[in-house]
Amino acid sequence: MPYYSFAAEAIANDIDIEGPRPGSNDQIGNMLLQSMNLIGIPYKWGGNTPSSGLDCSGFIRYVFKKSLGITLPRTANEMAMLGKKIPFDQLQPGDLVFFKTHSGRPITHVGMYLGNNQFIQAPRTGKDIQISALDEYYRSKFVVAKRMVEEDINEENQTVLDDIRSTRDPVTTRKQKPVKKSSYKRRKI
């Protein structure tokens, strides 16, 4: 499995990248570059496009759709119910990192892991899309990491993208409430 070397190397060496590498087979690496192209776009609660601004889940959803053709759910909480759970120490570039940054739902924020203990996010009103360190603050708010896609190389040396969104993690999936039997009885007429 490739480790998205050119994107991770660019991040590690603080190289400015303008766009996806032409002709690259590295689809996840190209997704990371697509996300970095959006640095500086303003945060807007409920935003779904770069022209109107993006919130955290709108940003992730936009990048997955534009770069991989994959549609993710609209909210971070809904996204966290999909994919393969990944231990923090096994994060790879392209994995989604989920946080609980305030009270309410179990998951309130999402970003995309870039490598070298950094992730890209649309943080909050008044801020722009940016790269942030997974510092003490974010580690204390961290809930779960999920992998939505995996990339492999086939026998013809072509990239094959495996969509693993349908993997469900029982820890973050809401349990169905049992259906109560109705006490209503039909009367015979």
N, C-alpha and C. Protein backbone atom coordinates (compact mmCIF):
# COMPACT_ATOMS: atom_id res chain seq x y z
N MET A 1 0.86 -1.18 0.00
CA MET A 1 0.00 0.00 0.00
C MET A 1 0.89 1.23 0.00
N PRO A 2 0.65 2.18 -0.86
CA PRO A 2 1.47 3.39 -0.88
C PRO A 2 1.22 4.23 0.37
N TYR A 3 2.22 4.99 0.75
CA TYR A 3 2.08 5.85 1.92
C TYR A 3 1.96 7.31 1.54
N TYR A 4 1.48 7.58 0.32
CA TYR A 4 1.19 8.95 -0.08
C TYR A 4 2.43 9.81 0.10
N SER A 5 3.56 9.27 -0.35
CA SER A 5 4.87 9.83 -0.04
C SER A 5 5.06 11.27 -0.48
N PHE A 6 4.64 11.61 -1.69
CA PHE A 6 4.93 12.98 -2.13
C PHE A 6 4.17 14.01 -1.33
N ALA A 7 2.93 13.73 -0.94
CA ALA A 7 2.17 14.68 -0.13
C ALA A 7 2.73 14.76 1.28
N ALA A 8 3.04 13.61 1.87
CA ALA A 8 3.58 13.60 3.24
C ALA A 8 4.94 14.29 3.27
N GLU A 9 5.77 14.06 2.24
CA GLU A 9 7.08 14.70 2.17
C GLU A 9 6.92 16.21 2.05
N ALA A 10 5.96 16.65 1.27
CA ALA A 10 5.73 18.08 1.11
C ALA A 10 5.34 18.72 2.44
N ILE A 11 4.49 18.03 3.19
CA ILE A 11 4.06 18.55 4.49
C ILE A 11 5.25 18.58 5.46
N ALA A 12 6.03 17.48 5.49
CA ALA A 12 7.15 17.37 6.40
C ALA A 12 8.20 18.46 6.14
N ASN A 13 8.40 18.77 4.88
CA ASN A 13 9.43 19.75 4.51
C ASN A 13 8.88 21.15 4.30
N ASP A 14 7.59 21.33 4.65
CA ASP A 14 6.95 22.64 4.54
C ASP A 14 7.05 23.20 3.13
N ILE A 15 6.82 22.33 2.13
CA ILE A 15 6.89 22.74 0.73
C ILE A 15 5.53 23.28 0.31
N ASP A 16 5.54 24.41 -0.39
CA ASP A 16 4.30 24.97 -0.91
C ASP A 16 3.91 24.23 -2.18
N ILE A 17 2.68 23.70 -2.21
CA ILE A 17 2.21 22.92 -3.35
C ILE A 17 1.01 23.62 -3.94
N GLU A 18 1.00 23.78 -5.25
CA GLU A 18 -0.10 24.50 -5.90
C GLU A 18 -1.25 23.61 -6.32
N GLY A 19 -1.05 22.34 -6.52
CA GLY A 19 -2.14 21.49 -6.97
C GLY A 19 -1.72 20.05 -7.09
N PRO A 20 -2.67 19.19 -7.47
CA PRO A 20 -2.37 17.77 -7.60
C PRO A 20 -1.28 17.52 -8.64
N ARG A 21 -0.50 16.51 -8.40
CA ARG A 21 0.58 16.14 -9.30
C ARG A 21 -0.03 15.60 -10.59
N PRO A 22 0.25 16.20 -11.73
CA PRO A 22 -0.34 15.74 -13.00
C PRO A 22 0.00 14.28 -13.26
N GLY A 23 -1.01 13.51 -13.67
CA GLY A 23 -0.83 12.11 -14.03
C GLY A 23 -0.56 11.19 -12.87
N SER A 24 -0.74 11.66 -11.66
CA SER A 24 -0.45 10.83 -10.50
C SER A 24 -1.48 9.72 -10.34
N ASN A 25 -0.99 8.56 -9.93
CA ASN A 25 -1.86 7.45 -9.57
C ASN A 25 -2.24 7.53 -8.09
N ASP A 26 -1.60 8.38 -7.35
CA ASP A 26 -1.79 8.50 -5.90
C ASP A 26 -3.05 9.31 -5.62
N GLN A 27 -4.20 8.63 -5.62
CA GLN A 27 -5.48 9.33 -5.48
C GLN A 27 -5.63 9.98 -4.10
N ILE A 28 -5.17 9.31 -3.06
CA ILE A 28 -5.28 9.90 -1.72
C ILE A 28 -4.32 11.08 -1.60
N GLY A 29 -3.13 10.96 -2.16
CA GLY A 29 -2.19 12.09 -2.18
C GLY A 29 -2.78 13.28 -2.92
N ASN A 30 -3.43 13.02 -4.04
CA ASN A 30 -4.07 14.11 -4.78
C ASN A 30 -5.21 14.72 -3.97
N MET A 31 -5.92 13.88 -3.19
CA MET A 31 -6.98 14.41 -2.32
C MET A 31 -6.37 15.36 -1.27
N LEU A 32 -5.23 14.97 -0.72
CA LEU A 32 -4.57 15.81 0.28
C LEU A 32 -4.17 17.16 -0.34
N LEU A 33 -3.65 17.09 -1.55
CA LEU A 33 -3.27 18.33 -2.22
C LEU A 33 -4.49 19.19 -2.53
N GLN A 34 -5.58 18.55 -2.93
CA GLN A 34 -6.83 19.28 -3.17
C GLN A 34 -7.27 20.00 -1.89
N SER A 35 -7.14 19.32 -0.76
CA SER A 35 -7.52 19.95 0.52
C SER A 35 -6.62 21.15 0.82
N MET A 36 -5.33 21.01 0.53
CA MET A 36 -4.40 22.11 0.80
C MET A 36 -4.64 23.30 -0.13
N ASN A 37 -5.19 23.04 -1.31
CA ASN A 37 -5.53 24.14 -2.22
C ASN A 37 -6.60 25.05 -1.62
N LEU A 38 -7.33 24.55 -0.63
CA LEU A 38 -8.42 25.32 -0.03
C LEU A 38 -7.99 26.11 1.21
N ILE A 39 -6.72 26.03 1.57
CA ILE A 39 -6.22 26.81 2.70
C ILE A 39 -6.50 28.28 2.44
N GLY A 40 -7.05 28.95 3.44
CA GLY A 40 -7.38 30.37 3.32
C GLY A 40 -8.83 30.64 3.00
N ILE A 41 -9.59 29.60 2.63
CA ILE A 41 -11.03 29.78 2.40
C ILE A 41 -11.69 30.03 3.76
N PRO A 42 -12.55 31.02 3.88
CA PRO A 42 -13.17 31.33 5.18
C PRO A 42 -14.13 30.24 5.66
N TYR A 43 -14.14 30.09 6.98
CA TYR A 43 -15.12 29.21 7.62
C TYR A 43 -16.49 29.87 7.53
N LYS A 44 -17.49 29.08 7.20
CA LYS A 44 -18.87 29.55 7.25
C LYS A 44 -19.73 28.40 7.73
N TRP A 45 -20.42 28.60 8.85
CA TRP A 45 -21.28 27.56 9.40
C TRP A 45 -22.30 27.15 8.35
N GLY A 46 -22.39 25.84 8.07
CA GLY A 46 -23.31 25.32 7.07
C GLY A 46 -22.81 25.46 5.65
N GLY A 47 -21.58 25.99 5.46
CA GLY A 47 -21.04 26.23 4.12
C GLY A 47 -20.65 24.95 3.41
N ASN A 48 -20.95 24.90 2.10
CA ASN A 48 -20.71 23.70 1.30
C ASN A 48 -19.79 23.90 0.11
N THR A 49 -19.46 25.15 -0.23
CA THR A 49 -18.62 25.41 -1.40
C THR A 49 -17.55 26.45 -1.05
N PRO A 50 -16.41 26.40 -1.74
CA PRO A 50 -15.37 27.40 -1.49
C PRO A 50 -15.85 28.83 -1.73
N SER A 51 -16.74 29.02 -2.70
CA SER A 51 -17.20 30.38 -3.01
C SER A 51 -18.06 30.97 -1.90
N SER A 52 -18.79 30.12 -1.18
CA SER A 52 -19.64 30.62 -0.09
C SER A 52 -18.99 30.44 1.28
N GLY A 53 -17.89 29.71 1.35
CA GLY A 53 -17.25 29.37 2.62
C GLY A 53 -17.61 27.94 2.99
N LEU A 54 -16.79 27.35 3.87
CA LEU A 54 -16.97 25.95 4.24
C LEU A 54 -16.89 25.79 5.75
N ASP A 55 -17.78 24.97 6.31
CA ASP A 55 -17.59 24.57 7.70
C ASP A 55 -16.78 23.28 7.70
N CYS A 56 -16.51 22.71 8.87
CA CYS A 56 -15.60 21.56 8.93
C CYS A 56 -16.09 20.37 8.12
N SER A 57 -17.35 19.99 8.27
CA SER A 57 -17.86 18.84 7.54
C SER A 57 -18.09 19.18 6.07
N GLY A 58 -18.48 20.39 5.78
CA GLY A 58 -18.64 20.82 4.39
C GLY A 58 -17.32 20.77 3.65
N PHE A 59 -16.24 21.15 4.33
CA PHE A 59 -14.89 21.10 3.76
C PHE A 59 -14.50 19.66 3.42
N ILE A 60 -14.66 18.75 4.39
CA ILE A 60 -14.29 17.35 4.17
C ILE A 60 -15.15 16.74 3.07
N ARG A 61 -16.42 17.02 3.12
CA ARG A 61 -17.37 16.49 2.12
C ARG A 61 -17.00 17.00 0.72
N TYR A 62 -16.69 18.28 0.61
CA TYR A 62 -16.32 18.89 -0.68
C TYR A 62 -15.06 18.23 -1.24
N VAL A 63 -14.04 18.05 -0.40
CA VAL A 63 -12.77 17.47 -0.86
C VAL A 63 -12.97 16.02 -1.32
N PHE A 64 -13.71 15.23 -0.57
CA PHE A 64 -13.94 13.83 -0.97
C PHE A 64 -14.72 13.76 -2.28
N LYS A 65 -15.72 14.60 -2.44
CA LYS A 65 -16.54 14.59 -3.66
C LYS A 65 -15.71 15.05 -4.86
N LYS A 66 -14.99 16.15 -4.70
CA LYS A 66 -14.25 16.73 -5.83
C LYS A 66 -13.06 15.86 -6.24
N SER A 67 -12.35 15.30 -5.27
CA SER A 67 -11.13 14.57 -5.62
C SER A 67 -11.35 13.07 -5.85
N LEU A 68 -12.32 12.46 -5.17
CA LEU A 68 -12.52 11.02 -5.29
C LEU A 68 -13.90 10.64 -5.84
N GLY A 69 -14.80 11.62 -5.95
CA GLY A 69 -16.15 11.32 -6.41
C GLY A 69 -16.99 10.61 -5.36
N ILE A 70 -16.60 10.72 -4.10
CA ILE A 70 -17.29 10.05 -3.00
C ILE A 70 -18.11 11.07 -2.21
N THR A 71 -19.39 10.76 -2.02
CA THR A 71 -20.27 11.65 -1.24
C THR A 71 -20.34 11.15 0.19
N LEU A 72 -19.93 12.01 1.10
CA LEU A 72 -20.02 11.71 2.54
C LEU A 72 -21.26 12.41 3.11
N PRO A 73 -21.72 11.96 4.28
CA PRO A 73 -22.85 12.64 4.92
C PRO A 73 -22.51 14.10 5.23
N ARG A 74 -23.52 14.89 5.57
CA ARG A 74 -23.34 16.33 5.74
C ARG A 74 -22.67 16.73 7.06
N THR A 75 -22.91 15.99 8.14
CA THR A 75 -22.37 16.43 9.43
C THR A 75 -21.22 15.55 9.90
N ALA A 76 -20.37 16.11 10.75
CA ALA A 76 -19.25 15.35 11.32
C ALA A 76 -19.77 14.14 12.10
N ASN A 77 -20.83 14.33 12.85
CA ASN A 77 -21.40 13.24 13.63
C ASN A 77 -21.84 12.09 12.74
N GLU A 78 -22.47 12.40 11.60
CA GLU A 78 -22.90 11.36 10.65
C GLU A 78 -21.70 10.70 9.98
N MET A 79 -20.68 11.50 9.64
CA MET A 79 -19.47 10.94 9.02
C MET A 79 -18.80 9.94 9.94
N ALA A 80 -18.78 10.24 11.24
CA ALA A 80 -18.09 9.39 12.21
C ALA A 80 -18.73 8.01 12.35
N MET A 81 -19.95 7.85 11.87
CA MET A 81 -20.61 6.56 11.94
C MET A 81 -20.17 5.63 10.82
N LEU A 82 -19.42 6.16 9.85
CA LEU A 82 -18.96 5.38 8.71
C LEU A 82 -17.47 5.10 8.83
N GLY A 83 -17.00 4.17 8.02
CA GLY A 83 -15.57 3.93 7.89
C GLY A 83 -15.00 2.99 8.92
N LYS A 84 -13.73 2.74 8.76
CA LYS A 84 -12.98 1.81 9.60
C LYS A 84 -12.27 2.57 10.72
N LYS A 85 -12.51 2.18 11.95
CA LYS A 85 -11.88 2.84 13.10
C LYS A 85 -10.37 2.57 13.07
N ILE A 86 -9.61 3.64 13.28
CA ILE A 86 -8.15 3.57 13.22
C ILE A 86 -7.57 4.04 14.56
N PRO A 87 -6.69 3.26 15.18
CA PRO A 87 -6.03 3.74 16.40
C PRO A 87 -5.20 5.00 16.11
N PHE A 88 -5.14 5.90 17.07
CA PHE A 88 -4.45 7.17 16.89
C PHE A 88 -3.02 6.99 16.41
N ASP A 89 -2.33 5.99 16.94
CA ASP A 89 -0.93 5.79 16.57
C ASP A 89 -0.75 5.12 15.20
N GLN A 90 -1.87 4.82 14.52
CA GLN A 90 -1.79 4.21 13.18
C GLN A 90 -2.41 5.11 12.10
N LEU A 91 -2.58 6.40 12.41
CA LEU A 91 -3.14 7.33 11.44
C LEU A 91 -2.27 7.41 10.19
N GLN A 92 -2.93 7.48 9.04
CA GLN A 92 -2.25 7.69 7.76
C GLN A 92 -2.87 8.92 7.11
N PRO A 93 -2.10 9.59 6.25
CA PRO A 93 -2.66 10.74 5.55
C PRO A 93 -3.97 10.37 4.84
N GLY A 94 -4.96 11.25 4.98
CA GLY A 94 -6.28 11.02 4.40
C GLY A 94 -7.30 10.50 5.39
N ASP A 95 -6.85 10.00 6.53
CA ASP A 95 -7.80 9.55 7.56
C ASP A 95 -8.50 10.76 8.15
N LEU A 96 -9.74 10.55 8.57
CA LEU A 96 -10.50 11.63 9.19
C LEU A 96 -10.35 11.54 10.69
N VAL A 97 -10.16 12.69 11.34
CA VAL A 97 -10.04 12.76 12.79
C VAL A 97 -11.25 13.54 13.33
N PHE A 98 -11.89 12.96 14.34
CA PHE A 98 -13.13 13.51 14.87
C PHE A 98 -12.93 13.94 16.32
N PHE A 99 -13.59 15.06 16.66
CA PHE A 99 -13.41 15.67 17.97
C PHE A 99 -14.76 16.04 18.57
N LYS A 100 -14.75 16.16 19.89
CA LYS A 100 -15.89 16.74 20.61
C LYS A 100 -15.34 18.04 21.21
N THR A 101 -15.65 19.16 20.54
CA THR A 101 -15.08 20.44 20.95
C THR A 101 -16.02 21.25 21.82
N HIS A 102 -17.29 20.85 21.88
CA HIS A 102 -18.24 21.50 22.79
C HIS A 102 -19.38 20.53 23.08
N SER A 103 -20.20 20.89 24.03
CA SER A 103 -21.27 19.98 24.44
C SER A 103 -22.31 19.83 23.34
N GLY A 104 -23.10 18.83 23.47
CA GLY A 104 -24.11 18.53 22.46
C GLY A 104 -23.89 17.14 21.93
N ARG A 105 -23.81 17.04 20.63
CA ARG A 105 -23.60 15.74 19.99
C ARG A 105 -22.27 15.13 20.40
N PRO A 106 -22.16 13.80 20.23
CA PRO A 106 -20.90 13.13 20.59
C PRO A 106 -19.70 13.60 19.75
N ILE A 107 -19.95 13.97 18.50
CA ILE A 107 -18.90 14.45 17.59
C ILE A 107 -19.33 15.83 17.09
N THR A 108 -18.44 16.82 17.24
CA THR A 108 -18.80 18.18 16.82
C THR A 108 -17.83 18.78 15.81
N HIS A 109 -16.73 18.07 15.51
CA HIS A 109 -15.72 18.64 14.60
C HIS A 109 -14.98 17.52 13.88
N VAL A 110 -14.56 17.81 12.63
CA VAL A 110 -13.80 16.84 11.84
C VAL A 110 -12.70 17.56 11.07
N GLY A 111 -11.59 16.86 10.90
CA GLY A 111 -10.50 17.33 10.07
C GLY A 111 -9.89 16.14 9.34
N MET A 112 -8.91 16.41 8.48
CA MET A 112 -8.26 15.34 7.72
C MET A 112 -6.79 15.28 8.11
N TYR A 113 -6.35 14.10 8.50
CA TYR A 113 -4.95 13.90 8.90
C TYR A 113 -4.04 14.03 7.69
N LEU A 114 -2.94 14.78 7.85
CA LEU A 114 -1.99 15.00 6.76
C LEU A 114 -0.69 14.24 6.95
N GLY A 115 -0.38 13.86 8.17
CA GLY A 115 0.91 13.25 8.49
C GLY A 115 1.67 14.17 9.43
N ASN A 116 2.73 13.63 10.01
CA ASN A 116 3.60 14.42 10.91
C ASN A 116 2.82 15.14 12.00
N ASN A 117 1.81 14.47 12.54
CA ASN A 117 1.03 15.02 13.64
C ASN A 117 0.30 16.31 13.28
N GLN A 118 -0.06 16.45 12.00
CA GLN A 118 -0.78 17.64 11.54
C GLN A 118 -2.06 17.22 10.83
N PHE A 119 -3.05 18.09 10.89
CA PHE A 119 -4.29 17.86 10.17
C PHE A 119 -4.78 19.17 9.59
N ILE A 120 -5.64 19.06 8.58
CA ILE A 120 -6.20 20.25 7.95
C ILE A 120 -7.66 20.34 8.35
N GLN A 121 -8.12 21.57 8.62
CA GLN A 121 -9.47 21.75 9.14
C GLN A 121 -10.01 23.13 8.79
N ALA A 122 -11.33 23.23 8.87
CA ALA A 122 -12.02 24.51 8.85
C ALA A 122 -12.44 24.72 10.31
N PRO A 123 -11.68 25.51 11.08
CA PRO A 123 -11.83 25.50 12.53
C PRO A 123 -13.10 26.13 13.12
N ARG A 124 -13.39 27.37 12.80
CA ARG A 124 -14.55 28.03 13.42
C ARG A 124 -14.75 29.40 12.77
N THR A 125 -15.87 30.02 13.08
CA THR A 125 -16.19 31.36 12.56
C THR A 125 -15.04 32.31 12.87
N GLY A 126 -14.68 33.09 11.87
CA GLY A 126 -13.58 34.05 12.02
C GLY A 126 -12.23 33.50 11.62
N LYS A 127 -12.16 32.21 11.34
CA LYS A 127 -10.91 31.57 10.93
C LYS A 127 -11.06 31.02 9.51
N ASP A 128 -9.94 30.74 8.89
CA ASP A 128 -9.91 30.16 7.55
C ASP A 128 -9.45 28.71 7.64
N ILE A 129 -9.64 27.97 6.55
CA ILE A 129 -9.13 26.60 6.49
C ILE A 129 -7.63 26.68 6.70
N GLN A 130 -7.13 25.79 7.56
CA GLN A 130 -5.73 25.86 7.95
C GLN A 130 -5.20 24.49 8.34
N ILE A 131 -3.88 24.39 8.37
CA ILE A 131 -3.22 23.20 8.90
C ILE A 131 -2.94 23.45 10.36
N SER A 132 -3.27 22.47 11.21
CA SER A 132 -3.09 22.60 12.65
C SER A 132 -2.34 21.38 13.18
N ALA A 133 -1.65 21.58 14.29
CA ALA A 133 -0.98 20.46 14.96
C ALA A 133 -1.99 19.72 15.83
N LEU A 134 -1.83 18.42 15.92
CA LEU A 134 -2.63 17.63 16.87
C LEU A 134 -1.97 17.78 18.24
N ASP A 135 -2.11 18.97 18.79
CA ASP A 135 -1.48 19.32 20.06
C ASP A 135 -2.31 18.82 21.24
N GLU A 136 -1.93 19.25 22.45
CA GLU A 136 -2.63 18.80 23.65
C GLU A 136 -4.12 19.13 23.61
N TYR A 137 -4.46 20.32 23.11
CA TYR A 137 -5.87 20.70 23.04
C TYR A 137 -6.66 19.70 22.19
N TYR A 138 -6.19 19.46 20.95
CA TYR A 138 -6.93 18.56 20.07
C TYR A 138 -6.88 17.11 20.55
N ARG A 139 -5.78 16.70 21.15
CA ARG A 139 -5.72 15.33 21.69
C ARG A 139 -6.71 15.15 22.84
N SER A 140 -6.92 16.21 23.61
CA SER A 140 -7.88 16.10 24.72
C SER A 140 -9.32 16.07 24.21
N LYS A 141 -9.56 16.57 23.01
CA LYS A 141 -10.90 16.61 22.41
C LYS A 141 -11.12 15.45 21.42
N PHE A 142 -10.05 14.71 21.11
CA PHE A 142 -10.11 13.63 20.13
C PHE A 142 -11.08 12.54 20.58
N VAL A 143 -11.93 12.07 19.64
CA VAL A 143 -12.88 11.00 19.92
C VAL A 143 -12.52 9.73 19.15
N VAL A 144 -12.35 9.87 17.84
CA VAL A 144 -12.10 8.69 17.01
C VAL A 144 -11.48 9.13 15.68
N ALA A 145 -10.75 8.21 15.04
CA ALA A 145 -10.25 8.42 13.69
C ALA A 145 -10.88 7.35 12.81
N LYS A 146 -11.21 7.73 11.58
CA LYS A 146 -11.85 6.80 10.65
C LYS A 146 -11.15 6.86 9.30
N ARG A 147 -11.04 5.70 8.67
CA ARG A 147 -10.52 5.61 7.30
C ARG A 147 -11.71 5.31 6.40
N MET A 148 -11.91 6.17 5.41
CA MET A 148 -13.03 6.01 4.48
C MET A 148 -12.63 5.28 3.20
N VAL A 149 -11.35 5.39 2.83
CA VAL A 149 -10.85 4.74 1.62
C VAL A 149 -9.46 4.18 1.88
N GLU A 150 -9.13 3.13 1.14
CA GLU A 150 -7.78 2.58 1.17
C GLU A 150 -7.31 2.47 -0.27
N GLU A 151 -6.04 2.69 -0.47
CA GLU A 151 -5.47 2.68 -1.81
C GLU A 151 -4.46 1.55 -1.92
N ASP A 152 -4.59 0.77 -2.99
CA ASP A 152 -3.67 -0.32 -3.27
C ASP A 152 -3.19 -0.21 -4.71
N ILE A 153 -2.14 -0.94 -5.02
CA ILE A 153 -1.62 -1.02 -6.38
C ILE A 153 -1.91 -2.43 -6.90
N ASN A 154 -2.53 -2.52 -8.09
CA ASN A 154 -2.84 -3.84 -8.65
C ASN A 154 -1.65 -4.37 -9.46
N GLU A 155 -1.84 -5.54 -10.11
CA GLU A 155 -0.77 -6.19 -10.87
C GLU A 155 -0.26 -5.33 -12.02
N GLU A 156 -1.13 -4.47 -12.57
CA GLU A 156 -0.73 -3.59 -13.68
C GLU A 156 -0.10 -2.29 -13.19
N ASN A 157 0.22 -2.23 -11.90
CA ASN A 157 0.81 -1.05 -11.27
C ASN A 157 -0.11 0.17 -11.36
N GLN A 158 -1.42 -0.09 -11.29
CA GLN A 158 -2.40 0.98 -11.29
C GLN A 158 -3.02 1.10 -9.90
N THR A 159 -3.37 2.31 -9.54
CA THR A 159 -3.98 2.54 -8.24
C THR A 159 -5.42 2.04 -8.25
N VAL A 160 -5.76 1.33 -7.20
CA VAL A 160 -7.13 0.87 -7.00
C VAL A 160 -7.59 1.44 -5.67
N LEU A 161 -8.69 2.15 -5.68
CA LEU A 161 -9.22 2.76 -4.48
C LEU A 161 -10.35 1.90 -3.92
N ASP A 162 -10.20 1.45 -2.68
CA ASP A 162 -11.24 0.67 -2.02
C ASP A 162 -12.05 1.59 -1.13
N ASP A 163 -13.35 1.65 -1.39
CA ASP A 163 -14.26 2.47 -0.60
C ASP A 163 -14.71 1.63 0.59
N ILE A 164 -14.29 2.01 1.79
CA ILE A 164 -14.64 1.24 2.99
C ILE A 164 -15.57 2.03 3.91
N ARG A 165 -16.32 2.96 3.33
CA ARG A 165 -17.25 3.75 4.14
C ARG A 165 -18.29 2.89 4.83
N SER A 166 -18.67 1.77 4.21
CA SER A 166 -19.77 0.98 4.76
C SER A 166 -19.35 0.19 6.00
N THR A 167 -18.05 0.18 6.33
CA THR A 167 -17.61 -0.46 7.56
C THR A 167 -18.23 0.30 8.72
N ARG A 168 -18.91 -0.41 9.60
CA ARG A 168 -19.56 0.25 10.74
C ARG A 168 -18.81 -0.08 12.02
N ASP A 169 -18.61 0.91 12.84
CA ASP A 169 -17.94 0.74 14.12
C ASP A 169 -18.99 0.79 15.22
N PRO A 170 -19.20 -0.30 15.94
CA PRO A 170 -20.25 -0.31 16.95
C PRO A 170 -20.06 0.71 18.07
N VAL A 171 -18.85 1.18 18.27
CA VAL A 171 -18.59 2.16 19.32
C VAL A 171 -19.25 3.50 18.99
N THR A 172 -19.25 3.89 17.72
CA THR A 172 -19.79 5.19 17.35
C THR A 172 -21.13 5.12 16.65
N THR A 173 -21.62 3.92 16.36
CA THR A 173 -22.91 3.79 15.70
C THR A 173 -24.00 3.83 16.76
N ARG A 174 -25.00 4.62 16.52
CA ARG A 174 -26.11 4.69 17.47
C ARG A 174 -26.86 3.37 17.48
N LYS A 175 -27.18 2.94 18.68
CA LYS A 175 -27.96 1.72 18.80
C LYS A 175 -29.43 2.03 18.55
N GLN A 176 -30.08 1.11 17.89
CA GLN A 176 -31.51 1.27 17.63
C GLN A 176 -32.28 1.01 18.92
N LYS A 177 -33.23 1.87 19.20
CA LYS A 177 -34.08 1.65 20.36
C LYS A 177 -35.05 0.53 20.03
N PRO A 178 -35.35 -0.32 20.99
CA PRO A 178 -36.31 -1.39 20.70
C PRO A 178 -37.68 -0.80 20.41
N VAL A 179 -38.36 -1.42 19.49
CA VAL A 179 -39.70 -0.97 19.13
C VAL A 179 -40.66 -1.47 20.20
N LYS A 180 -41.42 -0.54 20.76
CA LYS A 180 -42.40 -0.92 21.78
C LYS A 180 -43.63 -1.46 21.10
N LYS A 181 -44.13 -2.52 21.67
CA LYS A 181 -45.38 -3.07 21.15
C LYS A 181 -46.51 -2.16 21.59
N SER A 182 -47.37 -1.90 20.69
CA SER A 182 -48.49 -1.02 20.99
C SER A 182 -49.48 -1.74 21.90
N SER A 183 -50.02 -0.99 22.83
CA SER A 183 -51.03 -1.57 23.71
C SER A 183 -52.42 -1.41 23.10
N TYR A 184 -52.46 -0.78 21.95
CA TYR A 184 -53.73 -0.56 21.25
C TYR A 184 -54.22 -1.87 20.67
N LYS A 185 -55.45 -2.21 20.94
CA LYS A 185 -56.04 -3.41 20.40
C LYS A 185 -57.21 -3.01 19.50
N ARG A 186 -57.31 -3.67 18.40
CA ARG A 186 -58.43 -3.39 17.50
C ARG A 186 -59.69 -4.00 18.06
N ARG A 187 -60.72 -3.23 17.96
CA ARG A 187 -62.02 -3.77 18.37
C ARG A 187 -62.73 -4.36 17.17
N LYS A 188 -63.39 -5.42 17.42
CA LYS A 188 -64.19 -6.02 16.35
C LYS A 188 -65.48 -5.26 16.23
N ILE A 189 -65.87 -4.97 15.03
CA ILE A 189 -67.12 -4.24 14.80
C ILE A 189 -68.17 -5.16 14.26
